């Protein structure tokens, strides 16, 4: 029966462990970079959402004077006829 050289086995195992740890360190560094990039992108999304909310508020301020001041009549055939007439010739003209 052949005897194994324990020193050689220990050296081989340690080399494998070292290689595994190096790869794990590289993958963790990549993960950290991707997380940082995701954080930057999420911050930009938040900025765009805030900018869009400001834009919508400005639109609301702009169109508020044109908004109907009273509830619209139900849209039935008579209401549709009136709506069509107003589109062709607005009231007051």
PDB file of N, CA and C in Angstrom:
ATOM      1  N   UNK A   1       0.844  -1.150   0.000  1.00  0.00           N
ATOM      2  CA  UNK A   1       0.000   0.000   0.000  1.00  0.00           C
ATOM      3  C   UNK A   1       0.900   1.227   0.000  1.00  0.00           C
ATOM      4  N   UNK A   2       0.567   2.170  -0.885  1.00  0.00           N
ATOM      5  CA  UNK A   2       1.386   3.373  -1.016  1.00  0.00           C
ATOM      6  C   UNK A   2       0.997   4.380   0.046  1.00  0.00           C
ATOM      7  N   UNK A   3       1.992   5.029   0.556  1.00  0.00           N
ATOM      8  CA  UNK A   3       1.747   6.069   1.557  1.00  0.00           C
ATOM      9  C   UNK A   3       1.746   7.422   0.844  1.00  0.00           C
ATOM     10  N   UNK A   4       0.872   8.304   1.300  1.00  0.00           N
ATOM     11  CA  UNK A   4       0.786   9.644   0.707  1.00  0.00           C
ATOM     12  C   UNK A   4       1.667  10.596   1.486  1.00  0.00           C
ATOM     13  N   UNK A   5       2.221  11.496   0.769  1.00  0.00           N
ATOM     14  CA  UNK A   5       3.039  12.518   1.396  1.00  0.00           C
ATOM     15  C   UNK A   5       2.090  13.610   1.907  1.00  0.00           C
ATOM     16  N   UNK A   6       1.916  13.681   3.217  1.00  0.00           N
ATOM     17  CA  UNK A   6       0.980  14.648   3.804  1.00  0.00           C
ATOM     18  C   UNK A   6       1.365  16.086   3.503  1.00  0.00           C
ATOM     19  N   UNK A   7       2.636  16.372   3.413  1.00  0.00           N
ATOM     20  CA  UNK A   7       3.077  17.736   3.115  1.00  0.00           C
ATOM     21  C   UNK A   7       2.624  18.144   1.722  1.00  0.00           C
ATOM     22  N   UNK A   8       2.747  17.201   0.772  1.00  0.00           N
ATOM     23  CA  UNK A   8       2.329  17.495  -0.599  1.00  0.00           C
ATOM     24  C   UNK A   8       0.814  17.705  -0.650  1.00  0.00           C
ATOM     25  N   UNK A   9       0.050  16.884   0.045  1.00  0.00           N
ATOM     26  CA  UNK A   9      -1.414  17.019   0.067  1.00  0.00           C
ATOM     27  C   UNK A   9      -1.799  18.349   0.701  1.00  0.00           C
ATOM     28  N   UNK A  10      -1.145  18.698   1.813  1.00  0.00           N
ATOM     29  CA  UNK A  10      -1.446  19.965   2.479  1.00  0.00           C
ATOM     30  C   UNK A  10      -1.148  21.150   1.572  1.00  0.00           C
ATOM     31  N   UNK A  11      -0.038  21.091   0.840  1.00  0.00           N
ATOM     32  CA  UNK A  11       0.333  22.177  -0.069  1.00  0.00           C
ATOM     33  C   UNK A  11      -0.684  22.297  -1.197  1.00  0.00           C
ATOM     34  N   UNK A  12      -1.113  21.157  -1.752  1.00  0.00           N
ATOM     35  CA  UNK A  12      -2.107  21.155  -2.828  1.00  0.00           C
ATOM     36  C   UNK A  12      -3.429  21.714  -2.322  1.00  0.00           C
ATOM     37  N   UNK A  13      -3.852  21.284  -1.147  1.00  0.00           N
ATOM     38  CA  UNK A  13      -5.110  21.783  -0.581  1.00  0.00           C
ATOM     39  C   UNK A  13      -5.036  23.287  -0.313  1.00  0.00           C
ATOM     40  N   UNK A  14      -3.907  23.722   0.218  1.00  0.00           N
ATOM     41  CA  UNK A  14      -3.759  25.149   0.514  1.00  0.00           C
ATOM     42  C   UNK A  14      -3.774  25.971  -0.765  1.00  0.00           C
ATOM     43  N   UNK A  15      -3.160  25.463  -1.823  1.00  0.00           N
ATOM     44  CA  UNK A  15      -3.163  26.170  -3.107  1.00  0.00           C
ATOM     45  C   UNK A  15      -4.591  26.286  -3.644  1.00  0.00           C
ATOM     46  N   UNK A  16      -5.369  25.209  -3.506  1.00  0.00           N
ATOM     47  CA  UNK A  16      -6.763  25.241  -3.962  1.00  0.00           C
ATOM     48  C   UNK A  16      -7.577  26.240  -3.137  1.00  0.00           C
ATOM     49  N   UNK A  17      -7.354  26.238  -1.836  1.00  0.00           N
ATOM     50  CA  UNK A  17      -8.060  27.182  -0.963  1.00  0.00           C
ATOM     51  C   UNK A  17      -7.678  28.618  -1.313  1.00  0.00           C
ATOM     52  N   UNK A  18      -6.403  28.870  -1.548  1.00  0.00           N
ATOM     53  CA  UNK A  18      -5.946  30.210  -1.911  1.00  0.00           C
ATOM     54  C   UNK A  18      -6.570  30.668  -3.231  1.00  0.00           C
ATOM     55  N   UNK A  19      -6.613  29.769  -4.209  1.00  0.00           N
ATOM     56  CA  UNK A  19      -7.211  30.102  -5.506  1.00  0.00           C
ATOM     57  C   UNK A  19      -8.704  30.410  -5.338  1.00  0.00           C
ATOM     58  N   UNK A  20      -9.382  29.607  -4.549  1.00  0.00           N
ATOM     59  CA  UNK A  20     -10.804  29.826  -4.284  1.00  0.00           C
ATOM     60  C   UNK A  20     -11.014  31.187  -3.609  1.00  0.00           C
ATOM     61  N   UNK A  21     -10.183  31.498  -2.627  1.00  0.00           N
ATOM     62  CA  UNK A  21     -10.312  32.773  -1.915  1.00  0.00           C
ATOM     63  C   UNK A  21     -10.035  33.967  -2.828  1.00  0.00           C
ATOM     64  N   UNK A  22      -9.050  33.839  -3.732  1.00  0.00           N
ATOM     65  CA  UNK A  22      -8.776  34.920  -4.682  1.00  0.00           C
ATOM     66  C   UNK A  22      -9.986  35.151  -5.587  1.00  0.00           C
ATOM     67  N   UNK A  23     -10.554  34.057  -6.079  1.00  0.00           N
ATOM     68  CA  UNK A  23     -11.727  34.180  -6.946  1.00  0.00           C
ATOM     69  C   UNK A  23     -12.903  34.782  -6.175  1.00  0.00           C
ATOM     70  N   UNK A  24     -13.088  34.356  -4.937  1.00  0.00           N
ATOM     71  CA  UNK A  24     -14.166  34.911  -4.114  1.00  0.00           C
ATOM     72  C   UNK A  24     -13.958  36.406  -3.889  1.00  0.00           C
ATOM     73  N   UNK A  25     -12.719  36.820  -3.661  1.00  0.00           N
ATOM     74  CA  UNK A  25     -12.425  38.241  -3.478  1.00  0.00           C
ATOM     75  C   UNK A  25     -12.744  39.038  -4.742  1.00  0.00           C
ATOM     76  N   UNK A  26     -12.377  38.475  -5.903  1.00  0.00           N
ATOM     77  CA  UNK A  26     -12.670  39.150  -7.168  1.00  0.00           C
ATOM     78  C   UNK A  26     -14.182  39.276  -7.378  1.00  0.00           C
ATOM     79  N   UNK A  27     -14.905  38.199  -7.105  1.00  0.00           N
ATOM     80  CA  UNK A  27     -16.358  38.233  -7.283  1.00  0.00           C
ATOM     81  C   UNK A  27     -17.015  39.212  -6.309  1.00  0.00           C
ATOM     82  N   UNK A  28     -16.513  39.258  -5.091  1.00  0.00           N
ATOM     83  CA  UNK A  28     -17.055  40.218  -4.125  1.00  0.00           C
ATOM     84  C   UNK A  28     -16.777  41.657  -4.555  1.00  0.00           C
ATOM     85  N   UNK A  29     -15.603  41.894  -5.133  1.00  0.00           N
ATOM     86  CA  UNK A  29     -15.279  43.233  -5.631  1.00  0.00           C
ATOM     87  C   UNK A  29     -16.212  43.608  -6.786  1.00  0.00           C
ATOM     88  N   UNK A  30     -16.471  42.657  -7.689  1.00  0.00           N
ATOM     89  CA  UNK A  30     -17.404  42.905  -8.789  1.00  0.00           C
ATOM     90  C   UNK A  30     -18.804  43.184  -8.251  1.00  0.00           C
ATOM     91  N   UNK A  31     -19.208  42.415  -7.256  1.00  0.00           N
ATOM     92  CA  UNK A  31     -20.527  42.610  -6.651  1.00  0.00           C
ATOM     93  C   UNK A  31     -20.623  44.002  -6.043  1.00  0.00           C
ATOM     94  N   UNK A  32     -19.574  44.436  -5.359  1.00  0.00           N
ATOM     95  CA  UNK A  32     -19.565  45.771  -4.760  1.00  0.00           C
ATOM     96  C   UNK A  32     -19.666  46.858  -5.835  1.00  0.00           C
ATOM     97  N   UNK A  33     -18.952  46.662  -6.960  1.00  0.00           N
ATOM     98  CA  UNK A  33     -19.033  47.625  -8.060  1.00  0.00           C
ATOM     99  C   UNK A  33     -20.447  47.678  -8.634  1.00  0.00           C
ATOM    100  N   UNK A  34     -21.058  46.505  -8.826  1.00  0.00           N
ATOM    101  CA  UNK A  34     -22.416  46.463  -9.369  1.00  0.00           C
ATOM    102  C   UNK A  34     -23.419  47.085  -8.401  1.00  0.00           C
ATOM    103  N   UNK A  35     -23.227  46.850  -7.108  1.00  0.00           N
ATOM    104  CA  UNK A  35     -24.119  47.468  -6.124  1.00  0.00           C
ATOM    105  C   UNK A  35     -23.977  48.988  -6.132  1.00  0.00           C
ATOM    106  N   UNK A  36     -22.750  49.475  -6.265  1.00  0.00           N
ATOM    107  CA  UNK A  36     -22.530  50.920  -6.325  1.00  0.00           C
ATOM    108  C   UNK A  36     -23.184  51.506  -7.578  1.00  0.00           C
ATOM    109  N   UNK A  37     -23.047  50.809  -8.699  1.00  0.00           N
ATOM    110  CA  UNK A  37     -23.679  51.277  -9.937  1.00  0.00           C
ATOM    111  C   UNK A  37     -25.196  51.261  -9.802  1.00  0.00           C
ATOM    112  N   UNK A  38     -25.746  50.219  -9.193  1.00  0.00           N
ATOM    113  CA  UNK A  38     -27.191  50.148  -8.974  1.00  0.00           C
ATOM    114  C   UNK A  38     -27.659  51.300  -8.087  1.00  0.00           C
ATOM    115  N   UNK A  39     -26.887  51.633  -7.069  1.00  0.00           N
ATOM    116  CA  UNK A  39     -27.236  52.761  -6.204  1.00  0.00           C
ATOM    117  C   UNK A  39     -27.248  54.071  -6.989  1.00  0.00           C
ATOM    118  N   UNK A  40     -26.250  54.259  -7.860  1.00  0.00           N
ATOM    119  CA  UNK A  40     -26.207  55.472  -8.689  1.00  0.00           C
ATOM    120  C   UNK A  40     -27.421  55.531  -9.616  1.00  0.00           C
ATOM    121  N   UNK A  41     -27.750  54.400 -10.238  1.00  0.00           N
ATOM    122  CA  UNK A  41     -28.894  54.374 -11.154  1.00  0.00           C
ATOM    123  C   UNK A  41     -30.204  54.608 -10.408  1.00  0.00           C
ATOM    124  N   UNK A  42     -30.340  54.028  -9.233  1.00  0.00           N
ATOM    125  CA  UNK A  42     -31.554  54.248  -8.443  1.00  0.00           C
ATOM    126  C   UNK A  42     -31.679  55.708  -8.028  1.00  0.00           C
ATOM    127  N   UNK A  43     -30.558  56.342  -7.731  1.00  0.00           N
ATOM    128  CA  UNK A  43     -30.585  57.769  -7.388  1.00  0.00           C
ATOM    129  C   UNK A  43     -31.041  58.591  -8.593  1.00  0.00           C
ATOM    130  N   UNK A  44     -30.581  58.220  -9.780  1.00  0.00           N
ATOM    131  CA  UNK A  44     -31.010  58.931 -10.997  1.00  0.00           C
ATOM    132  C   UNK A  44     -32.492  58.722 -11.250  1.00  0.00           C
ATOM    133  N   UNK A  45     -32.982  57.504 -11.011  1.00  0.00           N
ATOM    134  CA  UNK A  45     -34.416  57.245 -11.168  1.00  0.00           C
ATOM    135  C   UNK A  45     -35.202  58.151 -10.226  1.00  0.00           C
ATOM    136  N   UNK A  46     -34.747  58.265  -8.985  1.00  0.00           N
ATOM    137  CA  UNK A  46     -35.421  59.142  -8.023  1.00  0.00           C
ATOM    138  C   UNK A  46     -35.422  60.589  -8.512  1.00  0.00           C
ATOM    139  N   UNK A  47     -34.291  61.041  -9.062  1.00  0.00           N
ATOM    140  CA  UNK A  47     -34.216  62.406  -9.589  1.00  0.00           C
ATOM    141  C   UNK A  47     -35.204  62.602 -10.736  1.00  0.00           C
ATOM    142  N   UNK A  48     -35.266  61.624 -11.656  1.00  0.00           N
ATOM    143  CA  UNK A  48     -36.186  61.735 -12.791  1.00  0.00           C
ATOM    144  C   UNK A  48     -37.633  61.715 -12.319  1.00  0.00           C
ATOM    145  N   UNK A  49     -37.945  60.901 -11.317  1.00  0.00           N
ATOM    146  CA  UNK A  49     -39.309  60.868 -10.798  1.00  0.00           C
ATOM    147  C   UNK A  49     -39.682  62.211 -10.182  1.00  0.00           C
ATOM    148  N   UNK A  50     -38.753  62.809  -9.440  1.00  0.00           N
ATOM    149  CA  UNK A  50     -39.028  64.124  -8.848  1.00  0.00           C
ATOM    150  C   UNK A  50     -39.194  65.187  -9.930  1.00  0.00           C
ATOM    151  N   UNK A  51     -38.345  65.117 -10.953  1.00  0.00           N
ATOM    152  CA  UNK A  51     -38.449  66.074 -12.059  1.00  0.00           C
ATOM    153  C   UNK A  51     -39.783  65.913 -12.779  1.00  0.00           C
ATOM    154  N   UNK A  52     -40.215  64.672 -12.988  1.00  0.00           N
ATOM    155  CA  UNK A  52     -41.489  64.416 -13.653  1.00  0.00           C
ATOM    156  C   UNK A  52     -42.649  64.919 -12.798  1.00  0.00           C
ATOM    157  N   UNK A  53     -42.572  64.718 -11.485  1.00  0.00           N
ATOM    158  CA  UNK A  53     -43.614  65.228 -10.589  1.00  0.00           C
ATOM    159  C   UNK A  53     -43.695  66.754 -10.669  1.00  0.00           C
ATOM    160  N   UNK A  54     -42.531  67.430 -10.725  1.00  0.00           N
ATOM    161  CA  UNK A  54     -42.530  68.891 -10.867  1.00  0.00           C
ATOM    162  C   UNK A  54     -43.158  69.302 -12.199  1.00  0.00           C
ATOM    163  N   UNK A  55     -42.834  68.539 -13.254  1.00  0.00           N
ATOM    164  CA  UNK A  55     -43.400  68.820 -14.570  1.00  0.00           C
ATOM    165  C   UNK A  55     -44.922  68.680 -14.543  1.00  0.00           C
ATOM    166  N   UNK A  56     -45.419  67.607 -13.923  1.00  0.00           N
ATOM    167  CA  UNK A  56     -46.867  67.418 -13.847  1.00  0.00           C
ATOM    168  C   UNK A  56     -47.529  68.538 -13.055  1.00  0.00           C
ATOM    169  N   UNK A  57     -46.874  68.973 -11.987  1.00  0.00           N
ATOM    170  CA  UNK A  57     -47.426  70.081 -11.198  1.00  0.00           C
ATOM    171  C   UNK A  57     -47.487  71.353 -12.041  1.00  0.00           C
ATOM    172  N   UNK A  58     -46.445  71.607 -12.836  1.00  0.00           N
ATOM    173  CA  UNK A  58     -46.454  72.777 -13.717  1.00  0.00           C
ATOM    174  C   UNK A  58     -47.564  72.665 -14.749  1.00  0.00           C
ATOM    175  N   UNK A  59     -47.766  71.456 -15.281  1.00  0.00           N
ATOM    176  CA  UNK A  59     -48.848  71.258 -16.249  1.00  0.00           C
ATOM    177  C   UNK A  59     -50.191  71.552 -15.594  1.00  0.00           C
ATOM    178  N   UNK A  60     -50.365  71.064 -14.367  1.00  0.00           N
ATOM    179  CA  UNK A  60     -51.612  71.320 -13.652  1.00  0.00           C
ATOM    180  C   UNK A  60     -51.829  72.805 -13.430  1.00  0.00           C
ATOM    181  N   UNK A  61     -50.758  73.520 -13.059  1.00  0.00           N
ATOM    182  CA  UNK A  61     -50.862  74.970 -12.865  1.00  0.00           C
ATOM    183  C   UNK A  61     -51.206  75.668 -14.179  1.00  0.00           C
ATOM    184  N   UNK A  62     -50.622  75.189 -15.277  1.00  0.00           N
ATOM    185  CA  UNK A  62     -50.861  75.812 -16.577  1.00  0.00           C
ATOM    186  C   UNK A  62     -52.296  75.583 -17.046  1.00  0.00           C
ATOM    187  N   UNK A  63     -52.788  74.336 -16.903  1.00  0.00           N
ATOM    188  CA  UNK A  63     -54.101  74.000 -17.445  1.00  0.00           C
ATOM    189  C   UNK A  63     -55.247  74.283 -16.482  1.00  0.00           C
ATOM    190  N   UNK A  64     -54.951  74.667 -15.248  1.00  0.00           N
ATOM    191  CA  UNK A  64     -56.018  74.903 -14.273  1.00  0.00           C
ATOM    192  C   UNK A  64     -57.029  75.943 -14.752  1.00  0.00           C
ATOM    193  N   UNK A  65     -56.598  77.065 -15.348  1.00  0.00           N
ATOM    194  CA  UNK A  65     -57.598  78.045 -15.807  1.00  0.00           C
ATOM    195  C   UNK A  65     -58.529  77.500 -16.888  1.00  0.00           C
ATOM    196  N   UNK A  66     -58.089  76.479 -17.618  1.00  0.00           N
ATOM    197  CA  UNK A  66     -58.908  75.932 -18.698  1.00  0.00           C
ATOM    198  C   UNK A  66     -59.798  74.788 -18.231  1.00  0.00           C
ATOM    199  N   UNK A  67     -59.593  74.333 -17.023  1.00  0.00           N
ATOM    200  CA  UNK A  67     -60.351  73.184 -16.518  1.00  0.00           C
ATOM    201  C   UNK A  67     -61.815  73.586 -16.334  1.00  0.00           C
ATOM    202  N   UNK A  68     -62.720  72.640 -16.560  1.00  0.00           N
ATOM    203  CA  UNK A  68     -64.140  72.950 -16.360  1.00  0.00           C
ATOM    204  C   UNK A  68     -64.398  73.344 -14.905  1.00  0.00           C
ATOM    205  N   UNK A  69     -65.191  74.382 -14.722  1.00  0.00           N
ATOM    206  CA  UNK A  69     -65.499  74.859 -13.382  1.00  0.00           C
ATOM    207  C   UNK A  69     -66.714  74.154 -12.794  1.00  0.00           C
ATOM    208  N   UNK A  70     -67.442  73.451 -13.611  1.00  0.00           N
ATOM    209  CA  UNK A  70     -68.607  72.713 -13.133  1.00  0.00           C
ATOM    210  C   UNK A  70     -68.517  71.300 -13.671  1.00  0.00           C
ATOM    211  N   UNK A  71     -69.169  70.382 -13.017  1.00  0.00           N
ATOM    212  CA  UNK A  71     -69.111  69.000 -13.512  1.00  0.00           C
ATOM    213  C   UNK A  71     -69.692  68.909 -14.923  1.00  0.00           C
ATOM    214  N   UNK A  72     -69.097  68.097 -15.717  1.00  0.00           N
ATOM    215  CA  UNK A  72     -69.570  67.905 -17.091  1.00  0.00           C
ATOM    216  C   UNK A  72     -70.902  67.168 -17.078  1.00  0.00           C
ATOM    217  N   UNK A  73     -71.727  67.506 -18.065  1.00  0.00           N
ATOM    218  CA  UNK A  73     -73.006  66.803 -18.183  1.00  0.00           C
ATOM    219  C   UNK A  73     -72.752  65.368 -18.606  1.00  0.00           C
ATOM    220  N   UNK A  74     -73.666  64.487 -18.254  1.00  0.00           N
ATOM    221  CA  UNK A  74     -73.492  63.102 -18.702  1.00  0.00           C
ATOM    222  C   UNK A  74     -73.446  63.051 -20.227  1.00  0.00           C
ATOM    223  N   UNK A  75     -72.645  62.165 -20.716  1.00  0.00           N
ATOM    224  CA  UNK A  75     -72.465  62.079 -22.161  1.00  0.00           C
ATOM    225  C   UNK A  75     -73.528  61.146 -22.732  1.00  0.00           C
ATOM    226  N   UNK A  76     -74.655  61.735 -23.123  1.00  0.00           N
ATOM    227  CA  UNK A  76     -75.696  60.990 -23.820  1.00  0.00           C
ATOM    228  C   UNK A  76     -75.801  61.578 -25.223  1.00  0.00           C
ATOM    229  N   UNK A  77     -76.830  61.218 -25.950  1.00  0.00           N
ATOM    230  CA  UNK A  77     -76.908  61.682 -27.337  1.00  0.00           C
ATOM    231  C   UNK A  77     -77.046  63.200 -27.409  1.00  0.00           C
ATOM    232  N   UNK A  78     -77.811  63.808 -26.495  1.00  0.00           N
ATOM    233  CA  UNK A  78     -77.954  65.271 -26.512  1.00  0.00           C
ATOM    234  C   UNK A  78     -76.625  65.926 -26.130  1.00  0.00           C
ATOM    235  N   UNK A  79     -75.958  65.377 -25.118  1.00  0.00           N
ATOM    236  CA  UNK A  79     -74.665  65.915 -24.708  1.00  0.00           C
ATOM    237  C   UNK A  79     -73.630  65.767 -25.805  1.00  0.00           C
ATOM    238  N   UNK A  80     -73.670  64.659 -26.522  1.00  0.00           N
ATOM    239  CA  UNK A  80     -72.734  64.427 -27.614  1.00  0.00           C
ATOM    240  C   UNK A  80     -72.980  65.412 -28.752  1.00  0.00           C
ATOM    241  N   UNK A  81     -74.258  65.702 -29.021  1.00  0.00           N
ATOM    242  CA  UNK A  81     -74.586  66.681 -30.055  1.00  0.00           C
ATOM    243  C   UNK A  81     -74.060  68.057 -29.660  1.00  0.00           C
ATOM    244  N   UNK A  82     -74.267  68.439 -28.384  1.00  0.00           N
ATOM    245  CA  UNK A  82     -73.757  69.736 -27.913  1.00  0.00           C
ATOM    246  C   UNK A  82     -72.232  69.785 -27.988  1.00  0.00           C
ATOM    247  N   UNK A  83     -71.584  68.694 -27.591  1.00  0.00           N
ATOM    248  CA  UNK A  83     -70.126  68.641 -27.627  1.00  0.00           C
ATOM    249  C   UNK A  83     -69.622  68.810 -29.052  1.00  0.00           C
ATOM    250  N   UNK A  84     -70.270  68.133 -29.989  1.00  0.00           N
ATOM    251  CA  UNK A  84     -69.876  68.230 -31.395  1.00  0.00           C
ATOM    252  C   UNK A  84     -70.070  69.657 -31.902  1.00  0.00           C
ATOM    253  N   UNK A  85     -71.184  70.270 -31.536  1.00  0.00           N
ATOM    254  CA  UNK A  85     -71.443  71.643 -31.967  1.00  0.00           C
ATOM    255  C   UNK A  85     -70.397  72.592 -31.391  1.00  0.00           C
ATOM    256  N   UNK A  86     -70.011  72.377 -30.134  1.00  0.00           N
ATOM    257  CA  UNK A  86     -69.001  73.240 -29.514  1.00  0.00           C
ATOM    258  C   UNK A  86     -67.630  73.050 -30.148  1.00  0.00           C
ATOM    259  N   UNK A  87     -67.335  71.851 -30.615  1.00  0.00           N
ATOM    260  CA  UNK A  87     -66.054  71.620 -31.273  1.00  0.00           C
ATOM    261  C   UNK A  87     -66.000  72.322 -32.624  1.00  0.00           C
ATOM    262  N   UNK A  88     -67.144  72.319 -33.326  1.00  0.00           N
ATOM    263  CA  UNK A  88     -67.199  72.964 -34.632  1.00  0.00           C
ATOM    264  C   UNK A  88     -67.189  74.478 -34.465  1.00  0.00           C
ATOM    265  N   UNK A  89     -68.025  74.976 -33.549  1.00  0.00           N
ATOM    266  CA  UNK A  89     -68.084  76.416 -33.292  1.00  0.00           C
ATOM    267  C   UNK A  89     -68.187  76.614 -31.782  1.00  0.00           C
ATOM    268  N   UNK A  90     -67.082  76.999 -31.143  1.00  0.00           N
ATOM    269  CA  UNK A  90     -67.100  77.170 -29.692  1.00  0.00           C
ATOM    270  C   UNK A  90     -68.139  78.203 -29.265  1.00  0.00           C
ATOM    271  N   UNK A  91     -68.710  78.031 -28.068  1.00  0.00           N
ATOM    272  CA  UNK A  91     -69.717  78.999 -27.609  1.00  0.00           C
ATOM    273  C   UNK A  91     -69.123  80.404 -27.521  1.00  0.00           C
ATOM    274  N   UNK A  92     -69.964  81.386 -27.819  1.00  0.00           N
ATOM    275  CA  UNK A  92     -69.521  82.769 -27.750  1.00  0.00           C
ATOM    276  C   UNK A  92     -68.905  83.278 -29.036  1.00  0.00           C
ATOM    277  N   UNK A  93     -68.863  82.465 -30.059  1.00  0.00           N
ATOM    278  CA  UNK A  93     -68.303  82.930 -31.339  1.00  0.00           C
ATOM    279  C   UNK A  93     -69.397  83.124 -32.343  1.00  0.00           C
TER     280      UNK A  93
END
